[in-house]
Protein backbone atom coordinates (compact mmCIF):
# COMPACT_ATOMS: atom_id res chain seq x y z
CA MET A 1 98.32 101.18 112.14
CA GLY A 2 99.73 99.66 108.77
CA THR A 3 97.72 99.09 106.00
CA ARG A 4 94.58 101.66 105.87
CA SER A 5 91.12 100.44 104.88
CA GLY A 6 87.52 102.17 103.84
CA GLY A 7 83.69 101.43 103.66
CA GLY A 8 81.73 99.78 100.97
CA ARG A 9 79.01 101.71 98.95
CA ARG A 10 77.88 104.66 101.08
CA ARG A 11 74.93 104.84 103.86
CA SER A 12 72.13 106.73 102.93
CA THR A 13 72.52 108.90 106.61
CA GLY A 14 75.56 110.16 105.65
CA ALA A 15 77.13 109.42 109.09
CA THR A 16 81.26 107.88 108.81
CA ARG A 17 82.45 106.59 111.83
CA ALA A 18 85.88 104.94 112.85
CA SER A 19 84.73 101.61 113.66
CA ALA A 20 82.65 101.71 109.91
CA VAL A 21 85.95 102.51 108.32
CA ALA A 22 87.59 99.53 109.69
CA ALA A 23 84.87 97.01 109.78
CA THR A 24 84.92 97.33 105.41
CA LEU A 25 88.45 95.86 104.94
CA ALA A 26 86.83 92.10 104.26
CA LEU A 27 84.43 93.54 102.31
CA ILE A 28 86.94 95.11 100.18
CA VAL A 29 88.49 91.82 99.82
CA THR A 30 85.65 89.78 99.40
CA GLY A 31 84.12 92.01 96.60
CA ALA A 32 87.53 91.72 94.61
CA ALA A 33 87.66 87.44 95.40
CA CYS A 34 84.11 87.16 93.84
CA SER A 35 84.96 89.32 90.30
CA SER A 36 87.38 88.76 87.39
CA SER A 37 89.56 90.88 86.55
CA GLU A 38 87.46 92.28 83.31
CA ASP A 39 84.90 93.26 86.04
CA GLN A 40 87.10 96.09 87.66
CA VAL A 41 87.78 99.45 86.12
CA PRO A 42 91.44 99.66 85.78
CA SER A 43 91.24 103.75 86.28
CA ILE A 44 88.90 105.77 88.76
CA GLY A 45 88.31 109.62 88.20
CA TYR A 46 88.29 111.64 91.39
CA ALA A 47 87.03 115.28 91.26
CA ILE A 48 87.84 117.72 93.42
CA ASP A 49 86.60 121.73 94.20
CA ASN A 50 90.28 123.30 94.07
CA VAL A 51 93.31 123.47 91.48
CA VAL A 52 96.14 121.53 91.99
CA THR A 53 99.56 124.17 91.54
CA SER A 54 101.92 122.59 93.45
CA TYR A 55 103.35 119.40 94.68
CA ASN A 56 103.89 120.70 97.86
CA ALA A 57 100.95 121.17 100.25
CA ASN A 58 102.85 122.78 103.07
CA THR A 59 103.65 126.51 101.05
CA VAL A 60 100.91 129.45 101.89
CA ASP A 61 99.78 128.49 98.28
CA GLY A 62 100.03 124.88 97.96
CA ALA A 63 97.80 124.70 101.59
CA ALA A 64 95.15 126.65 100.23
CA SER A 65 95.54 124.48 97.00
CA GLY A 66 94.07 121.12 96.26
CA ALA A 67 97.76 119.23 97.28
CA ARG A 68 96.45 117.89 100.05
CA GLN A 69 93.89 115.92 98.58
CA ALA A 70 95.29 115.05 95.40
CA PHE A 71 98.85 113.71 96.89
CA VAL A 72 97.61 112.30 100.33
CA ARG A 73 98.58 108.72 98.86
CA VAL A 74 101.75 109.92 96.99
CA LEU A 75 103.52 111.78 99.47
CA PRO A 76 101.96 110.02 103.01
CA GLY A 77 103.78 110.45 106.50
CA LEU A 78 103.76 108.70 109.73
CA SER A 79 100.10 109.70 110.45
CA TYR A 80 96.93 110.54 108.25
CA ILE A 81 93.92 112.37 109.05
CA GLY A 82 90.66 109.75 109.21
CA PRO A 83 87.20 110.88 108.71
CA GLU A 84 86.74 112.00 112.27
CA GLY A 85 89.05 114.70 111.86
CA THR A 86 92.17 113.37 113.83
CA ALA A 87 95.54 112.28 112.87
CA LEU A 88 95.84 108.15 112.91
CA SER A 89 99.43 106.69 112.38
CA ASP A 90 100.57 105.20 109.82
CA GLY A 91 102.91 102.31 110.53
CA ASP A 92 103.33 101.65 106.56
CA VAL A 93 105.77 104.60 106.92
CA GLY A 94 107.02 104.36 110.42
CA THR A 95 106.41 104.77 114.00
CA ALA A 96 106.58 107.56 116.55
CA ALA A 97 106.70 107.09 120.49
CA THR A 98 107.28 109.68 123.27
CA VAL A 99 110.51 109.09 125.44
CA PRO A 100 109.95 109.64 129.08
CA GLY A 101 111.33 112.91 130.80
CA GLU A 102 110.60 116.20 131.68
CA THR A 103 110.40 117.50 127.99
CA LEU A 104 108.31 116.46 125.18
CA THR A 105 110.77 114.13 123.30
CA VAL A 106 109.43 111.84 120.49
CA ALA A 107 111.41 108.77 118.98
CA TYR A 108 110.97 108.01 115.35
CA ARG A 109 111.97 105.18 113.46
CA LEU A 110 110.81 105.35 109.65
CA ASN A 111 110.35 102.06 108.43
CA PRO A 112 113.52 100.51 106.95
CA ASP A 113 111.89 99.26 103.43
CA ALA A 114 110.11 103.05 102.97
CA VAL A 115 112.17 104.42 99.92
CA TYR A 116 111.00 106.92 97.05
CA SER A 117 110.09 105.93 93.79
CA ASP A 118 113.35 107.38 92.56
CA GLY A 119 115.28 104.46 94.50
CA VAL A 120 116.42 106.87 97.20
CA PRO A 121 115.59 105.69 100.72
CA VAL A 122 113.09 107.81 102.94
CA THR A 123 115.47 109.39 105.76
CA CYS A 124 115.16 111.34 108.95
CA ASP A 125 116.70 114.14 106.51
CA ASP A 126 113.07 114.39 105.16
CA LEU A 127 111.82 115.34 108.91
CA VAL A 128 114.84 117.87 109.45
CA LEU A 129 113.17 119.82 106.17
CA ALA A 130 109.48 119.43 107.24
CA TRP A 131 111.03 121.18 110.58
CA ALA A 132 113.13 123.71 109.18
CA ALA A 133 110.51 124.65 106.65
CA GLY A 134 107.81 125.29 109.26
CA SER A 135 109.70 126.08 112.64
CA GLY A 136 109.65 129.98 111.77
CA ARG A 137 113.29 130.49 112.60
CA PHE A 138 114.21 130.46 108.70
CA GLY A 139 112.61 133.43 107.60
CA GLN A 140 112.72 132.18 104.17
CA PHE A 141 110.22 129.43 104.08
CA TRP A 142 106.74 130.57 102.93
CA ALA A 143 105.26 127.83 105.09
CA ALA A 144 101.18 127.89 105.61
CA SER A 145 101.82 127.27 109.52
CA ARG A 146 104.21 127.05 112.44
CA ALA A 147 101.90 125.11 114.69
CA GLY A 148 104.06 122.58 116.52
CA TYR A 149 107.08 122.87 114.67
CA ALA A 150 107.38 126.38 116.11
CA ASP A 151 107.62 124.35 119.36
CA ILE A 152 110.74 121.82 118.68
CA ASP A 153 114.25 122.88 119.58
CA ARG A 154 115.80 120.46 117.49
CA VAL A 155 115.73 117.43 115.24
CA ASP A 156 118.60 114.96 115.71
CA CYS A 157 119.07 113.20 112.84
CA GLN A 158 122.40 111.31 111.47
CA PRO A 159 121.97 112.38 107.56
CA GLY A 160 120.80 109.07 105.93
CA SER A 161 119.40 107.89 108.69
CA LYS A 162 116.40 106.17 109.29
CA ASP A 163 116.02 106.91 113.37
CA ALA A 164 115.38 110.67 114.36
CA THR A 165 114.69 111.85 117.81
CA VAL A 166 112.20 115.11 118.21
CA VAL A 167 113.00 117.41 121.01
CA PHE A 168 110.68 120.04 122.00
CA LYS A 169 111.16 123.50 123.61
CA PRO A 170 110.78 122.91 127.52
CA GLY A 171 107.16 123.85 128.38
CA ARG A 172 106.32 123.61 124.65
CA ALA A 173 104.68 119.79 124.73
CA TYR A 174 102.73 120.22 121.55
CA ALA A 175 99.53 118.36 122.26
CA GLU A 176 98.73 117.49 118.55
CA TRP A 177 102.02 116.06 117.84
CA PRO A 178 100.99 113.14 116.50
CA ALA A 179 100.02 115.37 113.55
CA LEU A 180 103.42 116.75 113.16
CA PHE A 181 104.91 115.17 110.02
CA GLY A 182 102.30 114.06 108.99
CA ALA A 183 100.68 112.69 104.96
CA THR A 184 101.83 115.38 102.37
CA ALA A 185 104.13 117.03 105.10
CA LEU A 186 107.30 115.17 104.28
CA MET A 187 108.77 116.31 100.86
CA PRO A 188 111.71 114.77 99.22
CA ALA A 189 114.74 116.43 101.11
CA HIS A 190 117.20 114.86 98.59
CA VAL A 191 115.67 116.65 95.81
CA ALA A 192 115.82 119.97 97.16
CA GLY A 193 119.21 119.35 98.43
CA ARG A 194 120.33 118.09 94.72
CA VAL A 195 119.01 121.36 93.15
CA ALA A 196 119.77 123.83 95.76
CA ASN A 197 123.28 122.39 95.78
CA VAL A 198 123.10 121.70 99.04
CA PRO A 199 124.82 117.96 99.41
CA ASP A 200 124.29 117.78 103.33
CA VAL A 201 120.87 119.25 103.99
CA VAL A 202 121.01 118.08 107.70
CA GLY A 203 124.18 120.01 108.38
CA ALA A 204 123.20 123.08 106.56
CA VAL A 205 119.91 123.41 108.95
CA SER A 206 122.04 122.25 111.97
CA SER A 207 124.48 124.98 111.28
CA GLY A 208 121.88 127.96 110.09
CA ASP A 209 124.19 128.33 107.14
CA PRO A 210 122.43 131.64 106.09
CA ASP A 211 123.19 130.63 101.92
CA ALA A 212 122.33 127.17 102.08
CA VAL A 213 119.04 127.53 103.36
CA GLY A 214 117.97 130.42 101.52
CA ARG A 215 118.78 128.11 98.60
CA LEU A 216 116.74 125.21 100.26
CA ALA A 217 114.06 127.53 100.85
CA GLU A 218 113.75 129.29 97.22
CA PHE A 219 113.52 125.60 96.14
CA TRP A 220 111.14 124.78 98.50
CA ASN A 221 109.04 127.38 97.91
CA ASN A 222 108.68 127.14 94.45
CA GLY A 223 110.52 124.18 93.06
CA TRP A 224 108.07 121.72 93.54
CA ASN A 225 105.13 123.71 91.50
CA LEU A 226 103.38 121.66 88.58
CA VAL A 227 102.81 123.14 85.26
CA PRO A 228 100.19 121.33 82.88
CA GLY A 229 101.80 119.45 80.16
CA GLU A 230 105.33 118.74 82.97
CA ALA A 231 105.98 116.32 85.32
CA ASP A 232 109.76 115.34 85.69
CA PRO A 233 110.07 112.27 87.91
CA ALA A 234 113.39 113.66 88.94
CA LEU A 235 111.51 116.37 90.94
CA PHE A 236 108.80 114.89 91.78
CA PRO A 237 109.80 111.38 93.59
CA SER A 238 106.87 109.36 95.67
CA ALA A 239 107.19 107.49 99.01
CA GLY A 240 103.71 106.24 98.56
CA PRO A 241 100.96 103.73 96.75
CA TYR A 242 101.14 106.14 94.09
CA ARG A 243 102.98 108.05 91.89
CA LEU A 244 102.71 111.17 89.80
CA ASP A 245 102.74 110.13 86.75
CA SER A 246 101.53 113.27 84.50
CA VAL A 247 99.84 116.42 85.00
CA GLY A 248 97.32 117.34 81.90
CA GLU A 249 96.58 120.41 79.91
CA SER A 250 93.39 121.13 81.89
CA GLY A 251 95.34 120.73 84.98
CA GLU A 252 94.74 116.70 85.74
CA VAL A 253 96.81 115.11 87.95
CA VAL A 254 97.51 111.45 86.95
CA LEU A 255 98.76 109.19 89.82
CA VAL A 256 99.95 105.67 88.76
CA ALA A 257 100.86 102.82 91.28
CA ASN A 258 104.62 103.13 92.51
CA GLU A 259 106.49 100.16 91.61
CA ARG A 260 108.49 100.86 94.64
CA TRP A 261 105.89 100.91 97.30
CA TRP A 262 106.99 98.31 99.99
CA GLY A 263 103.15 98.10 101.61
CA ASN A 264 100.05 96.66 100.17
CA LYS A 265 99.64 97.24 96.52
CA PRO A 266 96.87 99.53 95.77
CA GLY A 267 93.23 98.52 94.97
CA THR A 268 93.41 100.24 91.36
CA ASP A 269 96.16 101.02 89.29
CA ARG A 270 95.45 104.70 88.21
CA ILE A 271 93.98 107.68 89.54
CA VAL A 272 93.03 110.49 87.77
CA VAL A 273 92.53 113.65 90.10
CA TRP A 274 90.47 116.03 88.11
CA PRO A 275 90.40 119.56 89.52
CA LYS A 276 87.68 122.19 89.24
CA ASN A 277 88.95 124.45 86.50
CA SER A 278 88.98 121.07 84.18
CA ASP A 279 85.15 121.53 83.32
CA LEU A 280 84.08 118.66 85.89
CA PRO A 281 80.21 118.74 84.24
CA ALA A 282 81.69 117.92 81.29
CA HIS A 283 83.76 115.27 82.35
CA LEU A 284 80.33 114.02 84.70
CA ASP A 285 78.89 113.67 81.11
CA SER A 286 81.38 111.90 79.85
CA GLY A 287 81.45 109.16 82.32
CA ASP A 288 85.04 110.37 83.87
CA LEU A 289 84.03 110.81 87.61
CA ASP A 290 83.85 107.93 89.73
CA VAL A 291 84.21 109.82 93.11
CA VAL A 292 83.12 113.68 93.31
CA ASP A 293 84.23 115.62 96.70
CA VAL A 294 82.97 119.21 96.29
CA GLY A 295 81.50 122.15 98.37
CA ALA A 296 77.54 121.39 98.18
CA GLY A 297 76.44 124.05 95.49
CA ALA A 298 79.97 125.19 94.34
CA ILE A 299 80.07 123.91 90.92
CA ASP A 300 77.45 124.99 88.57
CA GLY A 301 75.90 121.86 86.68
CA LEU A 302 77.82 119.31 88.43
CA SER A 303 74.63 117.13 89.57
CA PRO A 304 75.81 113.38 89.59
CA GLY A 305 72.47 111.46 89.60
CA ASP A 306 71.32 107.90 88.75
CA GLY A 307 74.35 105.67 89.38
CA TYR A 308 75.73 107.54 92.20
CA ASP A 309 75.06 107.59 96.04
CA THR A 310 75.62 111.59 96.69
CA VAL A 311 75.57 112.50 100.32
CA THR A 312 75.91 116.09 101.70
CA GLU A 313 77.13 116.34 105.33
CA PRO A 314 78.40 119.92 107.36
CA SER A 315 82.28 119.66 107.18
CA ARG A 316 84.88 120.55 109.81
CA SER A 317 85.78 123.75 107.81
CA SER A 318 84.38 127.02 108.41
CA GLU A 319 82.78 129.20 106.03
CA GLN A 320 84.09 132.66 106.71
CA LEU A 321 85.08 135.88 105.43
CA VAL A 322 88.74 136.78 106.00
CA LEU A 323 89.09 140.62 106.06
CA ALA A 324 92.11 142.56 105.36
CA THR A 325 93.80 144.87 107.70
CA GLY A 326 94.68 147.65 105.48
CA GLY A 327 92.84 149.84 102.88
CA VAL A 328 89.02 150.35 103.50
CA PHE A 329 89.30 147.92 106.42
CA ALA A 330 92.38 149.66 108.37
CA ALA A 331 90.08 150.55 111.06
CA ALA A 332 88.45 147.84 113.14
CA ASP A 333 85.20 150.26 112.83
CA ALA A 334 85.07 149.45 109.56
CA ARG A 335 85.39 145.83 109.74
CA ARG A 336 82.33 145.88 112.30
CA ALA A 337 80.67 147.93 109.60
CA PHE A 338 80.76 145.46 106.93
CA ALA A 339 80.07 142.75 109.93
CA SER A 340 76.76 144.64 111.07
CA CYS A 341 75.04 144.59 107.43
CA ILE A 342 75.62 140.99 106.44
CA PRO A 343 72.84 138.62 106.65
CA ARG A 344 74.59 135.50 108.28
CA GLN A 345 71.33 134.17 109.42
CA GLN A 346 69.72 134.39 105.75
CA LEU A 347 73.22 133.01 104.42
CA PHE A 348 73.04 129.92 106.96
CA GLU A 349 69.16 129.01 105.80
CA ASP A 350 69.98 129.37 101.81
CA TYR A 351 73.37 127.79 101.95
CA GLY A 352 74.77 126.11 105.33
CA HIS A 353 72.43 123.24 105.43
CA PRO A 354 71.47 121.81 101.96
CA GLY A 355 69.29 118.61 102.03
CA PHE A 356 69.68 118.27 106.21
CA ASP A 357 68.82 119.44 109.08
CA ARG A 358 70.57 119.05 112.55
CA ALA A 359 68.98 120.18 115.89
CA SER A 360 72.69 120.65 117.16
CA GLY A 361 76.18 120.19 116.48
CA MET A 362 78.17 120.59 113.22
CA GLY A 363 75.79 122.36 110.89
CA SER A 364 72.83 123.24 113.01
CA GLY A 365 72.72 126.86 112.83
CA VAL A 366 75.22 129.87 112.12
CA LEU A 367 78.77 129.65 113.13
CA ASP A 368 79.29 131.85 116.14
CA SER A 369 83.09 131.29 116.77
CA ARG A 370 85.81 131.27 114.95
CA LEU A 371 88.02 128.40 116.71
CA ALA A 372 85.31 125.96 118.43
CA GLN A 373 83.22 123.72 116.38
CA GLN A 374 79.69 123.30 116.94
CA ASP A 375 80.29 119.15 118.35
CA MET A 376 82.59 120.70 120.74
CA LEU A 377 81.78 120.91 124.46
CA ILE A 378 83.59 124.19 124.77
CA TYR A 379 81.36 125.95 121.54
CA PRO A 380 78.09 126.92 123.38
CA THR A 381 79.88 129.20 126.04
CA ALA A 382 82.85 130.49 123.17
CA ALA A 383 79.87 131.29 120.87
CA GLY A 384 77.75 132.86 123.47
CA VAL A 385 80.26 135.56 123.04
CA ALA A 386 78.37 136.66 120.32
CA ASN A 387 75.15 137.48 121.92
CA GLY A 388 73.35 136.95 119.05
CA ARG A 389 75.10 139.67 117.70
CA TYR A 390 75.37 140.17 113.97
CA ARG A 391 73.02 137.34 112.90
CA GLU A 392 70.50 140.10 111.01
CA PRO A 393 71.69 142.97 108.77
CA ASP A 394 71.50 146.44 111.01
CA VAL A 395 71.81 149.38 108.82
CA ASP A 396 72.36 151.97 111.14
CA ALA A 397 74.65 150.10 113.18
CA ALA A 398 76.60 149.49 110.27
CA ARG A 399 76.15 153.38 109.19
CA SER A 400 77.66 154.19 112.50
CA ALA A 401 80.61 152.03 112.76
CA LEU A 402 81.31 152.73 109.33
CA SER A 403 81.26 156.87 110.06
CA ALA A 404 83.48 156.02 113.39
CA SER A 405 86.20 154.62 110.95
CA GLY A 406 86.36 158.17 109.37
CA GLN A 407 84.41 156.68 106.02
CA ASP A 408 80.82 157.89 104.62
CA SER A 409 80.98 154.65 102.12
CA ILE A 410 83.09 152.14 101.08
CA THR A 411 83.79 149.30 98.77
CA VAL A 412 84.49 145.67 99.57
CA ARG A 413 86.14 143.68 97.07
CA VAL A 414 85.20 139.85 97.90
CA GLY A 415 87.87 137.45 96.00
CA TYR A 416 87.90 133.58 96.01
CA LEU A 417 88.94 130.87 93.56
CA ALA A 418 86.17 130.70 90.82
CA PRO A 419 84.33 129.68 89.62
CA ASN A 420 82.20 129.08 92.83
CA ALA A 421 78.45 129.14 92.36
CA ARG A 422 77.56 129.15 96.35
CA ARG A 423 79.89 131.66 96.89
CA ALA A 424 78.87 133.98 94.09
CA GLU A 425 75.47 133.74 95.57
CA ILE A 426 76.49 134.81 98.99
CA VAL A 427 78.67 137.51 97.68
CA ALA A 428 75.82 138.59 95.54
CA ALA A 429 73.37 138.58 98.67
CA ILE A 430 75.83 140.20 101.40
CA ALA A 431 76.06 143.25 98.28
CA ALA A 432 72.15 143.54 98.04
CA ALA A 433 72.36 143.54 102.36
CA CYS A 434 74.87 146.08 102.78
CA GLU A 435 73.96 148.40 99.74
CA PRO A 436 71.59 150.46 102.14
CA ALA A 437 74.34 150.95 104.52
CA GLY A 438 76.77 152.51 101.97
CA ILE A 439 79.04 149.41 101.69
CA THR A 440 79.26 148.74 97.96
CA VAL A 441 80.11 144.86 97.52
CA GLU A 442 81.83 143.83 94.10
CA ASP A 443 82.46 139.76 93.62
CA ALA A 444 86.14 139.71 92.76
CA GLY A 445 86.19 135.77 92.32
CA ALA A 446 88.90 134.68 90.03
CA GLU A 447 90.18 131.38 88.34
CA ASP A 448 93.89 132.41 89.09
CA TRP A 449 92.88 133.03 92.89
CA THR A 450 95.69 132.70 95.16
CA PRO A 451 95.96 133.59 98.98
CA GLY A 452 98.29 136.52 98.36
CA VAL A 453 95.70 138.54 96.67
CA LEU A 454 94.31 140.00 100.13
CA ALA A 455 97.55 140.73 101.65
CA GLY A 456 98.49 142.52 98.30
CA GLY A 457 95.63 144.69 98.12
CA ALA A 458 93.65 143.37 95.18
CA VAL A 459 90.74 142.37 97.33
CA ASP A 460 89.40 143.74 100.54
CA ALA A 461 88.03 140.44 101.96
CA VAL A 462 88.50 136.53 100.76
CA LEU A 463 85.16 134.10 101.02
CA ALA A 464 87.29 130.93 102.02
CA GLY A 465 87.18 127.66 104.45
CA THR A 466 89.36 126.95 107.77
CA ALA A 467 92.99 128.91 107.30
CA GLY A 468 92.10 130.29 103.91
CA ALA A 469 91.50 126.85 102.19
CA GLN A 470 89.30 127.21 98.78
CA GLY A 471 88.19 123.30 98.87
CA ALA A 472 88.27 121.04 101.79
CA ALA A 473 89.51 121.84 104.87
CA GLY A 474 89.29 121.34 108.72
CA VAL A 475 90.23 119.26 111.49
CA ASP A 476 89.07 118.31 114.56
CA SER A 477 91.07 121.00 116.38
CA VAL A 478 90.93 124.74 117.97
CA VAL A 479 94.75 124.59 117.11
CA THR A 480 94.44 124.95 113.62
CA PRO A 481 92.14 128.00 113.09
CA ALA A 482 93.35 129.95 116.47
CA TYR A 483 96.87 129.95 114.14
CA ALA A 484 95.43 131.09 111.30
CA LEU A 485 94.79 134.15 113.57
CA ALA A 486 98.12 134.18 115.20
CA SER A 487 100.74 137.10 114.06
CA GLY A 488 103.37 135.98 111.23
CA ASN A 489 101.68 133.02 110.68
CA GLY A 490 101.28 131.96 106.84
CA THR A 491 97.54 131.37 106.94
CA ASN A 492 96.53 134.49 108.75
CA LEU A 493 95.72 135.47 104.98
CA GLY A 494 94.76 139.19 106.37
CA GLY A 495 97.79 139.69 107.95
CA TYR A 496 95.76 140.46 111.07
CA SER A 497 98.11 141.25 114.53
CA ASN A 498 96.73 141.14 117.87
CA ARG A 499 99.78 139.81 120.91
CA ARG A 500 97.11 138.25 123.23
CA VAL A 501 95.31 136.43 120.54
CA THR A 502 98.67 135.28 119.32
CA GLU A 503 99.49 134.33 123.00
CA ILE A 504 96.36 132.58 123.03
CA ALA A 505 97.11 130.24 120.16
CA ASP A 506 100.39 129.33 121.45
CA GLN A 507 98.67 128.60 124.71
CA LEU A 508 95.83 126.53 123.05
CA ALA A 509 98.75 124.26 120.97
CA VAL A 510 99.93 122.75 124.63
CA ASP A 511 97.29 123.48 127.18
CA THR A 512 94.43 120.66 126.54
CA SER A 513 92.33 120.92 130.14
CA ASP A 514 88.83 121.46 129.45
CA GLY A 515 88.65 124.61 131.69
CA SER A 516 91.61 126.33 130.16
CA ARG A 517 90.86 126.10 126.72
CA LEU A 518 87.25 127.09 127.61
CA ASN A 519 88.58 130.05 129.37
CA LEU A 520 91.51 130.53 126.31
CA THR A 521 88.49 130.40 123.76
CA THR A 522 86.06 132.60 125.20
CA GLU A 523 88.68 135.01 125.72
CA ALA A 524 89.91 135.03 122.34
CA GLU A 525 85.90 135.48 120.94
CA ASN A 526 85.78 138.64 123.04
CA ILE A 527 88.69 139.82 121.23
CA LEU A 528 87.82 138.90 117.65
CA TRP A 529 84.28 139.66 117.87
CA SER A 530 85.35 143.57 118.52
CA GLU A 531 88.46 143.75 116.27
CA MET A 532 86.71 141.35 113.69
CA PRO A 533 89.47 140.17 111.56
CA THR A 534 87.25 137.52 110.33
CA ILE A 535 83.35 136.93 110.16
CA PRO A 536 82.26 132.87 110.87
CA LEU A 537 78.95 132.34 108.80
CA PHE A 538 78.45 128.35 109.03
CA ALA A 539 80.48 124.86 108.81
CA ALA A 540 80.61 124.47 105.05
CA PRO A 541 78.75 121.88 103.76
CA ARG A 542 79.98 119.20 101.29
CA ALA A 543 78.84 117.08 99.00
CA THR A 544 80.16 113.33 97.90
CA SER A 545 78.99 111.35 95.05
CA ILE A 546 80.27 107.87 94.77
CA ALA A 547 79.63 105.73 91.63
CA ASN A 548 77.77 102.43 91.92
CA GLY A 549 80.13 99.71 92.47
CA MET A 550 82.88 101.38 94.24
CA HIS A 551 84.31 99.83 97.19
CA ALA A 552 85.99 101.37 99.66
CA ALA A 553 85.44 104.74 99.04
CA VAL A 554 84.53 106.75 102.21
CA PRO A 555 83.72 110.38 102.61
CA ASN A 556 85.86 112.41 105.06
CA TYR A 557 84.65 115.98 105.67
CA THR A 558 88.25 117.07 106.84
CA ILE A 559 91.39 118.63 104.95
CA ALA A 560 92.01 115.50 104.00
CA GLY A 561 88.85 114.93 101.44
CA ALA A 562 87.57 111.82 100.26
CA GLY A 563 91.03 110.61 98.61
CA TRP A 564 92.06 109.89 102.04
CA ASN A 565 92.37 106.30 101.42
CA MET A 566 91.99 106.00 97.70
CA ASP A 567 94.97 103.17 97.57
CA ARG A 568 91.95 101.23 98.50
CA TRP A 569 89.64 102.21 96.16
CA ILE A 570 88.01 99.41 93.89
CA LEU A 571 85.43 100.30 91.22
CA LEU A 572 83.59 96.85 89.97
CA ARG A 573 80.98 97.13 86.65
């Protein structure tokens, strides 16, 4: 799949399907052809409900930020996440094909014309760096997730080549391999090598040179952080239709057409990504925002009205509380006590389905599984483990469990990226319900929130989406949420450790049979409802507003966000 296309004006039903996405290329072309150049708006504003603090969406902090949404068409990969939540191949970047044999082996061929905006070719060195960072075999990298990359035995790559052969470990045929090396996963290895003084990145990784790899990791972890007012093009080259032009004082990310892009020219030359800390309501009033992709009710005062088509839908992100496994929550009894006083049913009624009602599937009720999503065949059985428990506050059960933990009363500080009106109201509702049980809940939302606050002890729980993300999150998979509970994984923010749950995550990664996935997910839920490292609430609802006259903007209720095809956007006035 080479060039990507999106839909025309948003349907009022909010349903997004792959066929609708594919059918709109003619609309884009026709709309552009029938208008004069004066009709097209030269710059489009795109608002997200997260901050963009890093160019690297693969670190723990970067993954929780809005980097994935901002740079999905700046740092493309061999696949991207479409509106259905699954990985689709991106032929503009290259091709991938399995090689016959007992062990999963994938041959990658990068596009011969693929080149970064600084003139350096895109090569297999970039795949080697991505694998090294995510593999887990080099402890210096602070990668968000090892899913899939830890299953790779080696990446055969001649430095500077356009070809690579990825060989997986025996028995570790990672089922979702097409999603590996996808959009925002490939970082420019030549930049990391230059700054870290490692001329041969492939050689350093292959030999396991600890000093060289350590220098690479130090840059990979921190070297691509974004600072308002600064954007050195030597550090941030692009391999996509857009390149990073600047970072404004309010944190806005300005993207412009990449002159070296080898594919179809972007529909609009300039995109400005406005983060949540840039006063989005003011920018809406000023006419700066044309596509708004935020959690429903998250940004107080942000209400696009006439001139926009707005649709609210359940997303593939699970709104949840991630609990610490130390401090007041060191004992599972304390975590169960907190779960016992949370009004999950009322929270769903008040915040889980704004503007829509579903009889079944996504967004149809309280979420009773951490791994399975509500439209999956395995969901009813996996969710049945909860057996209706923890839906309504049970003060007696909460007090009993708290006493069993050796504590008469506790204070729970709940953190999240502020401001977020919906999450603030959820915390307030939980506080009111838990107070009679001797559990004081404090709102610890902060504008400088980072994922490390939970492990660092600054808060006791985090209110977040799948894998701890604060904005758009989730894909159509049980693997991503399973690894967020696996020992040692970067997205396991609470530091939860259970050997069997980790084994289940590893098994889910390679076993795709319905029966196995049903049994494994159900087994995991039995453990998780007992040990309570997280408390699922509901499928996070998201609101997408698209300005009238916009062509090709298609909501994407996954980790990719609405910007998944921003290079096709055209706004006509």
